[in-house]
PDB file of N, CA and C in Angstrom:
ATOM      1  N   MET A   1    -114.921-146.111  80.359  1.00  0.00           N
ATOM      2  CA  MET A   1    -115.381-147.123  79.430  1.00  0.00           C
ATOM      3  C   MET A   1    -114.621-146.972  78.109  1.00  0.00           C
ATOM      4  N   THR A   2    -114.019-148.026  77.647  1.00  0.00           N
ATOM      5  CA  THR A   2    -113.274-148.010  76.400  1.00  0.00           C
ATOM      6  C   THR A   2    -114.211-148.298  75.241  1.00  0.00           C
ATOM      7  N   ARG A   3    -114.155-147.446  74.263  1.00  0.00           N
ATOM      8  CA  ARG A   3    -114.941-147.643  73.051  1.00  0.00           C
ATOM      9  C   ARG A   3    -114.111-148.485  72.081  1.00  0.00           C
ATOM     10  N   GLU A   4    -114.781-149.245  71.236  1.00  0.00           N
ATOM     11  CA  GLU A   4    -114.073-150.122  70.298  1.00  0.00           C
ATOM     12  C   GLU A   4    -113.112-149.337  69.408  1.00  0.00           C
ATOM     13  N   TRP A   5    -113.494-148.132  68.993  1.00  0.00           N
ATOM     14  CA  TRP A   5    -112.628-147.357  68.115  1.00  0.00           C
ATOM     15  C   TRP A   5    -111.296-147.036  68.790  1.00  0.00           C
ATOM     16  N   GLN A   6    -111.294-146.911  70.119  1.00  0.00           N
ATOM     17  CA  GLN A   6    -110.075-146.520  70.820  1.00  0.00           C
ATOM     18  C   GLN A   6    -108.963-147.543  70.686  1.00  0.00           C
ATOM     19  N   THR A   7    -109.308-148.801  70.478  1.00  0.00           N
ATOM     20  CA  THR A   7    -108.273-149.814  70.279  1.00  0.00           C
ATOM     21  C   THR A   7    -107.980-150.043  68.802  1.00  0.00           C
ATOM     22  N   ALA A   8    -108.940-149.755  67.932  1.00  0.00           N
ATOM     23  CA  ALA A   8    -108.770-150.024  66.503  1.00  0.00           C
ATOM     24  C   ALA A   8    -108.155-148.855  65.732  1.00  0.00           C
ATOM     25  N   VAL A   9    -108.408-147.648  66.164  1.00  0.00           N
ATOM     26  CA  VAL A   9    -107.914-146.459  65.452  1.00  0.00           C
ATOM     27  C   VAL A   9    -106.626-146.014  66.119  1.00  0.00           C
ATOM     28  N   ILE A  10    -105.520-146.187  65.394  1.00  0.00           N
ATOM     29  CA  ILE A  10    -104.223-145.870  65.999  1.00  0.00           C
ATOM     30  C   ILE A  10    -103.547-144.640  65.394  1.00  0.00           C
ATOM     31  N   ASP A  11    -103.947-144.244  64.209  1.00  0.00           N
ATOM     32  CA  ASP A  11    -103.352-143.069  63.569  1.00  0.00           C
ATOM     33  C   ASP A  11    -103.700-141.816  64.389  1.00  0.00           C
ATOM     34  N   PRO A  12    -102.699-141.009  64.767  1.00  0.00           N
ATOM     35  CA  PRO A  12    -102.954-139.825  65.601  1.00  0.00           C
ATOM     36  C   PRO A  12    -103.919-138.816  64.964  1.00  0.00           C
ATOM     37  N   THR A  13    -103.843-138.644  63.664  1.00  0.00           N
ATOM     38  CA  THR A  13    -104.750-137.727  62.976  1.00  0.00           C
ATOM     39  C   THR A  13    -106.183-138.243  63.062  1.00  0.00           C
ATOM     40  N   ASP A  14    -106.377-139.519  62.793  1.00  0.00           N
ATOM     41  CA  ASP A  14    -107.701-140.119  62.870  1.00  0.00           C
ATOM     42  C   ASP A  14    -108.252-140.021  64.291  1.00  0.00           C
ATOM     43  N   ARG A  15    -107.403-140.230  65.269  1.00  0.00           N
ATOM     44  CA  ARG A  15    -107.835-140.172  66.674  1.00  0.00           C
ATOM     45  C   ARG A  15    -108.330-138.775  67.049  1.00  0.00           C
ATOM     46  N   ARG A  16    -107.722-137.751  66.495  1.00  0.00           N
ATOM     47  CA  ARG A  16    -108.182-136.376  66.771  1.00  0.00           C
ATOM     48  C   ARG A  16    -109.621-136.195  66.325  1.00  0.00           C
ATOM     49  N   VAL A  17    -109.952-136.728  65.153  1.00  0.00           N
ATOM     50  CA  VAL A  17    -111.324-136.630  64.653  1.00  0.00           C
ATOM     51  C   VAL A  17    -112.268-137.431  65.541  1.00  0.00           C
ATOM     52  N   PHE A  18    -111.871-138.627  65.927  1.00  0.00           N
ATOM     53  CA  PHE A  18    -112.704-139.462  66.793  1.00  0.00           C
ATOM     54  C   PHE A  18    -112.931-138.810  68.154  1.00  0.00           C
ATOM     55  N   GLU A  19    -111.905-138.206  68.699  1.00  0.00           N
ATOM     56  CA  GLU A  19    -112.054-137.534  69.991  1.00  0.00           C
ATOM     57  C   GLU A  19    -113.022-136.363  69.883  1.00  0.00           C
ATOM     58  N   ALA A  20    -112.987-135.660  68.761  1.00  0.00           N
ATOM     59  CA  ALA A  20    -113.929-134.560  68.541  1.00  0.00           C
ATOM     60  C   ALA A  20    -115.355-135.092  68.374  1.00  0.00           C
ATOM     61  N   LEU A  21    -115.506-136.229  67.700  1.00  0.00           N
ATOM     62  CA  LEU A  21    -116.831-136.835  67.554  1.00  0.00           C
ATOM     63  C   LEU A  21    -117.376-137.317  68.896  1.00  0.00           C
ATOM     64  N   GLU A  22    -116.506-137.678  69.792  1.00  0.00           N
ATOM     65  CA  GLU A  22    -116.923-138.207  71.086  1.00  0.00           C
ATOM     66  C   GLU A  22    -117.255-137.107  72.100  1.00  0.00           C
ATOM     67  N   ASP A  23    -117.013-135.862  71.757  1.00  0.00           N
ATOM     68  CA  ASP A  23    -117.293-134.742  72.656  1.00  0.00           C
ATOM     69  C   ASP A  23    -118.764-134.772  73.074  1.00  0.00           C
ATOM     70  N   PRO A  24    -119.056-134.903  74.374  1.00  0.00           N
ATOM     71  CA  PRO A  24    -120.435-135.043  74.836  1.00  0.00           C
ATOM     72  C   PRO A  24    -121.301-133.797  74.645  1.00  0.00           C
ATOM     73  N   ARG A  25    -120.691-132.676  74.287  1.00  0.00           N
ATOM     74  CA  ARG A  25    -121.482-131.462  74.051  1.00  0.00           C
ATOM     75  C   ARG A  25    -122.297-131.535  72.765  1.00  0.00           C
ATOM     76  N   TRP A  26    -121.943-132.483  71.880  1.00  0.00           N
ATOM     77  CA  TRP A  26    -122.590-132.548  70.572  1.00  0.00           C
ATOM     78  C   TRP A  26    -123.139-133.936  70.307  1.00  0.00           C
ATOM     79  N   ASP A  27    -124.357-134.002  69.760  1.00  0.00           N
ATOM     80  CA  ASP A  27    -124.899-135.278  69.299  1.00  0.00           C
ATOM     81  C   ASP A  27    -124.305-135.618  67.936  1.00  0.00           C
ATOM     82  N   PHE A  28    -124.226-134.611  67.077  1.00  0.00           N
ATOM     83  CA  PHE A  28    -123.682-134.752  65.727  1.00  0.00           C
ATOM     84  C   PHE A  28    -122.724-133.617  65.460  1.00  0.00           C
ATOM     85  N   ARG A  29    -121.805-133.842  64.522  1.00  0.00           N
ATOM     86  CA  ARG A  29    -120.833-132.823  64.138  1.00  0.00           C
ATOM     87  C   ARG A  29    -120.806-132.667  62.626  1.00  0.00           C
ATOM     88  N   THR A  30    -120.586-131.446  62.176  1.00  0.00           N
ATOM     89  CA  THR A  30    -120.367-131.187  60.753  1.00  0.00           C
ATOM     90  C   THR A  30    -118.881-131.354  60.461  1.00  0.00           C
ATOM     91  N   VAL A  31    -118.557-131.507  59.184  1.00  0.00           N
ATOM     92  CA  VAL A  31    -117.150-131.574  58.782  1.00  0.00           C
ATOM     93  C   VAL A  31    -116.459-130.262  59.167  1.00  0.00           C
ATOM     94  N   GLU A  32    -117.165-129.161  58.967  1.00  0.00           N
ATOM     95  CA  GLU A  32    -116.604-127.854  59.305  1.00  0.00           C
ATOM     96  C   GLU A  32    -116.298-127.751  60.802  1.00  0.00           C
ATOM     97  N   GLY A  33    -117.227-128.217  61.625  1.00  0.00           N
ATOM     98  CA  GLY A  33    -117.016-128.185  63.071  1.00  0.00           C
ATOM     99  C   GLY A  33    -115.872-129.079  63.509  1.00  0.00           C
ATOM    100  N   LEU A  34    -115.793-130.260  62.907  1.00  0.00           N
ATOM    101  CA  LEU A  34    -114.689-131.173  63.222  1.00  0.00           C
ATOM    102  C   LEU A  34    -113.355-130.569  62.804  1.00  0.00           C
ATOM    103  N   SER A  35    -113.346-129.904  61.661  1.00  0.00           N
ATOM    104  CA  SER A  35    -112.131-129.261  61.175  1.00  0.00           C
ATOM    105  C   SER A  35    -111.681-128.165  62.141  1.00  0.00           C
ATOM    106  N   LYS A  36    -112.627-127.383  62.589  1.00  0.00           N
ATOM    107  CA  LYS A  36    -112.302-126.294  63.520  1.00  0.00           C
ATOM    108  C   LYS A  36    -111.782-126.842  64.856  1.00  0.00           C
ATOM    109  N   THR A  37    -112.434-127.864  65.377  1.00  0.00           N
ATOM    110  CA  THR A  37    -112.036-128.442  66.660  1.00  0.00           C
ATOM    111  C   THR A  37    -110.663-129.096  66.593  1.00  0.00           C
ATOM    112  N   THR A  38    -110.410-129.829  65.508  1.00  0.00           N
ATOM    113  CA  THR A  38    -109.163-130.593  65.401  1.00  0.00           C
ATOM    114  C   THR A  38    -108.004-129.801  64.816  1.00  0.00           C
ATOM    115  N   GLY A  39    -108.324-128.718  64.109  1.00  0.00           N
ATOM    116  CA  GLY A  39    -107.284-127.959  63.421  1.00  0.00           C
ATOM    117  C   GLY A  39    -106.836-128.615  62.123  1.00  0.00           C
ATOM    118  N   LEU A  40    -107.591-129.616  61.680  1.00  0.00           N
ATOM    119  CA  LEU A  40    -107.278-130.329  60.431  1.00  0.00           C
ATOM    120  C   LEU A  40    -108.070-129.735  59.275  1.00  0.00           C
ATOM    121  N   PRO A  41    -107.531-129.791  58.064  1.00  0.00           N
ATOM    122  CA  PRO A  41    -108.295-129.328  56.898  1.00  0.00           C
ATOM    123  C   PRO A  41    -109.554-130.186  56.705  1.00  0.00           C
ATOM    124  N   GLU A  42    -110.592-129.580  56.151  1.00  0.00           N
ATOM    125  CA  GLU A  42    -111.851-130.296  55.914  1.00  0.00           C
ATOM    126  C   GLU A  42    -111.644-131.536  55.054  1.00  0.00           C
ATOM    127  N   THR A  43    -110.740-131.470  54.076  1.00  0.00           N
ATOM    128  CA  THR A  43    -110.503-132.643  53.220  1.00  0.00           C
ATOM    129  C   THR A  43    -109.937-133.806  54.041  1.00  0.00           C
ATOM    130  N   THR A  44    -109.076-133.501  54.984  1.00  0.00           N
ATOM    131  CA  THR A  44    -108.519-134.544  55.850  1.00  0.00           C
ATOM    132  C   THR A  44    -109.614-135.150  56.718  1.00  0.00           C
ATOM    133  N   VAL A  45    -110.477-134.306  57.291  1.00  0.00           N
ATOM    134  CA  VAL A  45    -111.583-134.794  58.118  1.00  0.00           C
ATOM    135  C   VAL A  45    -112.476-135.717  57.294  1.00  0.00           C
ATOM    136  N   ARG A  46    -112.796-135.319  56.065  1.00  0.00           N
ATOM    137  CA  ARG A  46    -113.636-136.162  55.196  1.00  0.00           C
ATOM    138  C   ARG A  46    -112.969-137.517  54.924  1.00  0.00           C
ATOM    139  N   HIS A  47    -111.671-137.517  54.700  1.00  0.00           N
ATOM    140  CA  HIS A  47    -110.947-138.778  54.461  1.00  0.00           C
ATOM    141  C   HIS A  47    -110.988-139.682  55.698  1.00  0.00           C
ATOM    142  N   VAL A  48    -110.828-139.084  56.871  1.00  0.00           N
ATOM    143  CA  VAL A  48    -110.891-139.869  58.108  1.00  0.00           C
ATOM    144  C   VAL A  48    -112.281-140.478  58.263  1.00  0.00           C
ATOM    145  N   LEU A  49    -113.320-139.691  58.041  1.00  0.00           N
ATOM    146  CA  LEU A  49    -114.695-140.193  58.156  1.00  0.00           C
ATOM    147  C   LEU A  49    -114.932-141.339  57.170  1.00  0.00           C
ATOM    148  N   ALA A  50    -114.428-141.189  55.954  1.00  0.00           N
ATOM    149  CA  ALA A  50    -114.624-142.205  54.912  1.00  0.00           C
ATOM    150  C   ALA A  50    -113.833-143.488  55.214  1.00  0.00           C
ATOM    151  N   ARG A  51    -112.702-143.359  55.890  1.00  0.00           N
ATOM    152  CA  ARG A  51    -111.864-144.524  56.203  1.00  0.00           C
ATOM    153  C   ARG A  51    -112.439-145.419  57.293  1.00  0.00           C
ATOM    154  N   HIS A  52    -113.403-144.908  58.059  1.00  0.00           N
ATOM    155  CA  HIS A  52    -113.881-145.649  59.227  1.00  0.00           C
ATOM    156  C   HIS A  52    -115.400-145.825  59.264  1.00  0.00           C
ATOM    157  N   PRO A  53    -115.995-146.366  58.208  1.00  0.00           N
ATOM    158  CA  PRO A  53    -117.462-146.534  58.209  1.00  0.00           C
ATOM    159  C   PRO A  53    -117.956-147.504  59.284  1.00  0.00           C
ATOM    160  N   ARG A  54    -117.064-148.312  59.787  1.00  0.00           N
ATOM    161  CA  ARG A  54    -117.421-149.274  60.849  1.00  0.00           C
ATOM    162  C   ARG A  54    -117.768-148.567  62.170  1.00  0.00           C
ATOM    163  N   PHE A  55    -117.245-147.363  62.351  1.00  0.00           N
ATOM    164  CA  PHE A  55    -117.421-146.647  63.613  1.00  0.00           C
ATOM    165  C   PHE A  55    -118.231-145.354  63.504  1.00  0.00           C
ATOM    166  N   ILE A  56    -118.423-144.871  62.283  1.00  0.00           N
ATOM    167  CA  ILE A  56    -119.035-143.551  62.087  1.00  0.00           C
ATOM    168  C   ILE A  56    -120.286-143.687  61.232  1.00  0.00           C
ATOM    169  N   ARG A  57    -121.310-142.925  61.590  1.00  0.00           N
ATOM    170  CA  ARG A  57    -122.503-142.894  60.757  1.00  0.00           C
ATOM    171  C   ARG A  57    -122.906-141.461  60.478  1.00  0.00           C
ATOM    172  N   GLN A  58    -123.572-141.302  59.358  1.00  0.00           N
ATOM    173  CA  GLN A  58    -124.051-139.993  58.935  1.00  0.00           C
ATOM    174  C   GLN A  58    -125.538-139.892  59.253  1.00  0.00           C
ATOM    175  N   SER A  59    -125.938-138.743  59.725  1.00  0.00           N
ATOM    176  CA  SER A  59    -127.355-138.512  60.005  1.00  0.00           C
ATOM    177  C   SER A  59    -128.134-138.497  58.691  1.00  0.00           C
ATOM    178  N   PRO A  60    -129.337-139.066  58.672  1.00  0.00           N
ATOM    179  CA  PRO A  60    -130.151-138.996  57.455  1.00  0.00           C
ATOM    180  C   PRO A  60    -130.694-137.588  57.206  1.00  0.00           C
ATOM    181  N   ILE A  61    -130.646-136.743  58.235  1.00  0.00           N
ATOM    182  CA  ILE A  61    -131.145-135.375  58.157  1.00  0.00           C
ATOM    183  C   ILE A  61    -129.958-134.415  58.270  1.00  0.00           C
ATOM    184  N   PRO A  62    -129.791-133.489  57.322  1.00  0.00           N
ATOM    185  CA  PRO A  62    -128.705-132.509  57.438  1.00  0.00           C
ATOM    186  C   PRO A  62    -129.035-131.458  58.498  1.00  0.00           C
ATOM    187  N   ASP A  63    -128.060-130.615  58.813  1.00  0.00           N
ATOM    188  CA  ASP A  63    -128.337-129.540  59.766  1.00  0.00           C
ATOM    189  C   ASP A  63    -129.180-128.463  59.102  1.00  0.00           C
ATOM    190  N   SER A  64    -129.492-127.408  59.827  1.00  0.00           N
ATOM    191  CA  SER A  64    -130.389-126.363  59.310  1.00  0.00           C
ATOM    192  C   SER A  64    -129.817-125.632  58.103  1.00  0.00           C
ATOM    193  N   GLU A  65    -128.510-125.755  57.872  1.00  0.00           N
ATOM    194  CA  GLU A  65    -127.872-125.131  56.718  1.00  0.00           C
ATOM    195  C   GLU A  65    -127.614-126.131  55.592  1.00  0.00           C
ATOM    196  N   GLY A  66    -128.125-127.354  55.755  1.00  0.00           N
ATOM    197  CA  GLY A  66    -127.980-128.369  54.716  1.00  0.00           C
ATOM    198  C   GLY A  66    -126.673-129.138  54.755  1.00  0.00           C
ATOM    199  N   ARG A  67    -125.882-128.958  55.813  1.00  0.00           N
ATOM    200  CA  ARG A  67    -124.588-129.639  55.916  1.00  0.00           C
ATOM    201  C   ARG A  67    -124.758-131.046  56.479  1.00  0.00           C
ATOM    202  N   GLU A  68    -123.902-131.953  56.034  1.00  0.00           N
ATOM    203  CA  GLU A  68    -123.911-133.334  56.528  1.00  0.00           C
ATOM    204  C   GLU A  68    -123.508-133.358  58.001  1.00  0.00           C
ATOM    205  N   LEU A  69    -124.118-134.284  58.736  1.00  0.00           N
ATOM    206  CA  LEU A  69    -123.823-134.447  60.148  1.00  0.00           C
ATOM    207  C   LEU A  69    -123.325-135.864  60.414  1.00  0.00           C
ATOM    208  N   PHE A  70    -122.349-135.985  61.321  1.00  0.00           N
ATOM    209  CA  PHE A  70    -121.740-137.282  61.622  1.00  0.00           C
ATOM    210  C   PHE A  70    -121.678-137.504  63.127  1.00  0.00           C
ATOM    211  N   THR A  71    -121.691-138.769  63.521  1.00  0.00           N
ATOM    212  CA  THR A  71    -121.533-139.164  64.912  1.00  0.00           C
ATOM    213  C   THR A  71    -120.894-140.542  64.957  1.00  0.00           C
ATOM    214  N   LEU A  72    -120.525-140.958  66.140  1.00  0.00           N
ATOM    215  CA  LEU A  72    -120.012-142.314  66.323  1.00  0.00           C
ATOM    216  C   LEU A  72    -121.184-143.277  66.425  1.00  0.00           C
ATOM    217  N   ILE A  73    -121.067-144.415  65.803  1.00  0.00           N
ATOM    218  CA  ILE A  73    -122.111-145.438  65.887  1.00  0.00           C
ATOM    219  C   ILE A  73    -122.345-145.814  67.350  1.00  0.00           C
ATOM    220  N   SER A  74    -121.287-145.841  68.127  1.00  0.00           N
ATOM    221  CA  SER A  74    -121.404-146.231  69.535  1.00  0.00           C
ATOM    222  C   SER A  74    -122.223-145.244  70.361  1.00  0.00           C
ATOM    223  N   ASN A  75    -122.477-144.042  69.834  1.00  0.00           N
ATOM    224  CA  ASN A  75    -123.300-143.075  70.562  1.00  0.00           C
ATOM    225  C   ASN A  75    -124.777-143.458  70.550  1.00  0.00           C
ATOM    226  N   GLY A  76    -125.161-144.353  69.644  1.00  0.00           N
ATOM    227  CA  GLY A  76    -126.555-144.775  69.582  1.00  0.00           C
ATOM    228  C   GLY A  76    -127.457-143.686  69.024  1.00  0.00           C
ATOM    229  N   VAL A  77    -128.755-143.965  69.035  1.00  0.00           N
ATOM    230  CA  VAL A  77    -129.746-143.015  68.547  1.00  0.00           C
ATOM    231  C   VAL A  77    -130.431-142.402  69.757  1.00  0.00           C
ATOM    232  N   GLY A  78    -130.278-141.105  69.902  1.00  0.00           N
ATOM    233  CA  GLY A  78    -130.887-140.410  71.029  1.00  0.00           C
ATOM    234  C   GLY A  78    -132.294-139.949  70.716  1.00  0.00           C
ATOM    235  N   LEU A  79    -132.978-139.490  71.730  1.00  0.00           N
ATOM    236  CA  LEU A  79    -134.351-139.017  71.593  1.00  0.00           C
ATOM    237  C   LEU A  79    -134.449-137.836  70.646  1.00  0.00           C
ATOM    238  N   ARG A  80    -133.483-136.904  70.720  1.00  0.00           N
ATOM    239  CA  ARG A  80    -133.526-135.748  69.810  1.00  0.00           C
ATOM    240  C   ARG A  80    -133.385-136.178  68.360  1.00  0.00           C
ATOM    241  N   GLU A  81    -132.508-137.141  68.107  1.00  0.00           N
ATOM    242  CA  GLU A  81    -132.338-137.614  66.728  1.00  0.00           C
ATOM    243  C   GLU A  81    -133.615-138.294  66.239  1.00  0.00           C
ATOM    244  N   TRP A  82    -134.200-139.118  67.072  1.00  0.00           N
ATOM    245  CA  TRP A  82    -135.442-139.796  66.695  1.00  0.00           C
ATOM    246  C   TRP A  82    -136.521-138.765  66.388  1.00  0.00           C
ATOM    247  N   TYR A  83    -136.639-137.742  67.221  1.00  0.00           N
ATOM    248  CA  TYR A  83    -137.640-136.697  67.029  1.00  0.00           C
ATOM    249  C   TYR A  83    -137.407-135.947  65.719  1.00  0.00           C
ATOM    250  N   ARG A  84    -136.171-135.535  65.458  1.00  0.00           N
ATOM    251  CA  ARG A  84    -135.860-134.799  64.223  1.00  0.00           C
ATOM    252  C   ARG A  84    -136.162-135.629  62.985  1.00  0.00           C
ATOM    253  N   THR A  85    -135.780-136.897  63.015  1.00  0.00           N
ATOM    254  CA  THR A  85    -136.020-137.779  61.874  1.00  0.00           C
ATOM    255  C   THR A  85    -137.508-137.977  61.651  1.00  0.00           C
ATOM    256  N   THR A  86    -138.244-138.212  62.707  1.00  0.00           N
ATOM    257  CA  THR A  86    -139.692-138.406  62.608  1.00  0.00           C
ATOM    258  C   THR A  86    -140.364-137.145  62.095  1.00  0.00           C
ATOM    259  N   ARG A  87    -139.984-135.997  62.636  1.00  0.00           N
ATOM    260  CA  ARG A  87    -140.567-134.729  62.201  1.00  0.00           C
ATOM    261  C   ARG A  87    -140.266-134.461  60.729  1.00  0.00           C
ATOM    262  N   ALA A  88    -139.049-134.719  60.304  1.00  0.00           N
ATOM    263  CA  ALA A  88    -138.689-134.508  58.893  1.00  0.00           C
ATOM    264  C   ALA A  88    -139.489-135.434  57.985  1.00  0.00           C
ATOM    265  N   PHE A  89    -139.656-136.679  58.398  1.00  0.00           N
ATOM    266  CA  PHE A  89    -140.429-137.636  57.607  1.00  0.00           C
ATOM    267  C   PHE A  89    -141.877-137.179  57.477  1.00  0.00           C
ATOM    268  N   ILE A  90    -142.488-136.792  58.591  1.00  0.00           N
ATOM    269  CA  ILE A  90    -143.883-136.342  58.567  1.00  0.00           C
ATOM    270  C   ILE A  90    -144.038-135.088  57.720  1.00  0.00           C
ATOM    271  N   THR A  91    -143.139-134.151  57.856  1.00  0.00           N
ATOM    272  CA  THR A  91    -143.199-132.908  57.100  1.00  0.00           C
ATOM    273  C   THR A  91    -143.099-133.184  55.594  1.00  0.00           C
ATOM    274  N   LYS A  92    -142.180-134.038  55.198  1.00  0.00           N
ATOM    275  CA  LYS A  92    -142.026-134.357  53.770  1.00  0.00           C
ATOM    276  C   LYS A  92    -143.242-135.113  53.257  1.00  0.00           C
ATOM    277  N   SER A  93    -143.797-136.014  54.069  1.00  0.00           N
ATOM    278  CA  SER A  93    -144.983-136.786  53.667  1.00  0.00           C
ATOM    279  C   SER A  93    -146.184-135.878  53.488  1.00  0.00           C
ATOM    280  N   ALA A  94    -146.298-134.861  54.340  1.00  0.00           N
ATOM    281  CA  ALA A  94    -147.449-133.971  54.291  1.00  0.00           C
ATOM    282  C   ALA A  94    -147.373-133.005  53.112  1.00  0.00           C
ATOM    283  N   THR A  95    -146.164-132.709  52.633  1.00  0.00           N
ATOM    284  CA  THR A  95    -146.008-131.738  51.542  1.00  0.00           C
ATOM    285  C   THR A  95    -145.873-132.421  50.185  1.00  0.00           C
ATOM    286  N   SER A  96    -145.766-133.715  50.162  1.00  0.00           N
ATOM    287  CA  SER A  96    -145.567-134.415  48.884  1.00  0.00           C
ATOM    288  C   SER A  96    -146.893-134.674  48.203  1.00  0.00           C
TER     289      SER A  96
END
């Protein structure tokens, strides 16, 4: 199945980041993880993410260390993401 980004993103550096985001082992990726997987500097990964808001979304909830998480929009919202978001909302509502 061809994803829309595969025809629109032609820069080889950008494609490396997209391929890492598409890795089925991960629902979301940190900039650090993407940098490690692609071998690109974190600043380059951040620029690639910023250049393609049409295809990439950021999780509203950071990881357990407070780092930003990213995924492809085409991956949709999975059950784990829905659960984490709901749990975070309830926890914040209960402590406020």
